Protein backbone atom coordinates (compact mmCIF):
# COMPACT_ATOMS: atom_id res chain seq x y z
CA MET A 1 20.20 35.93 -3.96
CA THR A 2 17.62 38.36 -5.36
CA THR A 3 13.98 38.39 -4.31
CA ALA A 4 12.99 36.73 -7.59
CA GLU A 5 15.62 34.02 -7.11
CA THR A 6 14.43 33.43 -3.56
CA ALA A 7 10.81 33.15 -4.70
CA GLU A 8 11.78 30.68 -7.45
CA PHE A 9 13.84 28.64 -4.98
CA LEU A 10 10.92 28.46 -2.54
CA THR A 11 8.05 27.92 -4.99
CA GLY A 12 9.58 26.61 -8.22
CA GLY A 13 8.39 23.18 -9.17
CA LEU A 14 5.45 23.09 -6.78
CA ARG A 15 2.47 21.26 -8.30
CA PRO A 16 -1.12 21.00 -7.04
CA HIS A 17 -1.94 17.69 -5.41
CA GLU A 18 -5.32 16.62 -4.09
CA CYS A 19 -5.18 14.22 -1.17
CA ARG A 20 -6.76 10.94 -2.22
CA SER A 21 -8.14 10.48 1.28
CA CYS A 22 -9.89 13.78 2.03
CA GLY A 23 -9.55 15.94 -1.10
CA THR A 24 -7.50 18.70 0.51
CA CYS A 25 -5.38 20.44 -2.13
CA VAL A 26 -1.75 21.29 -1.38
CA LEU A 27 1.24 22.30 -3.51
CA VAL A 28 3.94 19.63 -3.65
CA LYS A 29 7.46 19.24 -4.97
CA LYS A 30 9.37 15.99 -4.72
CA ASN A 31 13.02 17.05 -4.62
CA SER A 32 14.08 13.42 -4.16
CA ILE A 33 12.48 10.19 -3.00
CA GLN A 34 13.29 11.17 0.59
CA HIS A 35 12.55 14.91 0.40
CA THR A 36 9.07 16.35 -0.13
CA SER A 37 8.15 20.04 0.01
CA ILE A 38 4.51 20.74 0.86
CA GLN A 39 2.85 24.15 0.79
CA TRP A 40 -0.64 24.19 2.24
CA THR A 41 -3.11 26.34 0.29
CA SER A 42 -5.62 26.32 3.14
CA ARG A 43 -5.56 26.08 6.91
CA PRO A 44 -4.83 22.39 7.59
CA ALA A 45 -7.01 22.24 10.71
CA GLU A 46 -9.97 23.45 8.64
CA THR A 47 -9.57 21.15 5.63
CA CYS A 48 -7.66 18.03 6.72
CA PRO A 49 -9.49 15.64 9.09
CA VAL A 50 -6.21 14.42 10.60
CA PHE A 51 -5.17 17.96 11.53
CA ALA A 52 -8.72 18.80 12.66
CA ASP A 53 -8.72 15.80 15.04
CA ALA A 54 -5.27 16.58 16.49
CA ASP A 55 -4.92 16.45 20.26
CA GLY A 56 -3.45 19.88 20.92
CA PRO A 57 -2.18 22.47 18.44
CA SER A 58 -2.15 21.19 14.86
CA ALA A 59 1.07 23.15 14.30
CA LEU A 60 2.85 20.43 16.28
CA LEU A 61 1.97 17.77 13.68
CA ASP A 62 4.73 17.06 11.20
CA THR A 63 2.37 16.15 8.37
CA CYS A 64 -0.71 14.09 7.65
CA PRO A 65 0.19 10.43 7.10
CA LYS A 66 -2.74 10.04 4.69
CA LEU A 67 -1.45 12.98 2.63
CA ALA A 68 2.05 11.49 2.66
CA ASP A 69 0.61 8.17 1.42
CA SER A 70 -1.34 10.01 -1.28
CA ILE A 71 1.81 11.79 -2.47
CA GLY A 72 3.70 8.49 -2.47
CA ASP A 73 0.94 6.90 -4.54
CA ALA A 74 1.14 9.81 -7.02
CA VAL A 75 4.90 9.30 -7.37
CA ARG A 76 4.47 5.56 -7.93
CA ASP A 77 1.74 6.02 -10.55
CA GLY A 78 3.74 8.72 -12.34
CA SER A 79 1.34 11.61 -11.80
CA LEU A 80 3.92 13.41 -9.60
CA ALA A 81 7.53 13.48 -10.78
CA VAL A 82 10.63 13.38 -8.58
CA ALA A 83 12.94 16.28 -9.45
CA ASP A 84 16.16 14.24 -9.35
CA GLY A 85 14.73 11.57 -11.62
């Protein structure tokens, strides 16, 4: 795989999404209903209240449940498409 192919694989299809709870903007791709790729565009502990309030290192958090709900809402209302249909 070339560098360009790797970059496309990692970033292709990512779309900006603003969390409906706190307004933090991330890049998101829904590869399927079960699989979501999230690329943070900022430091989560500085922009997401859930990460900021974490007990211990925020790197140990899987994701923000409010962000996950926001992404789910966007899929349901059609503003974020699922890649596999």
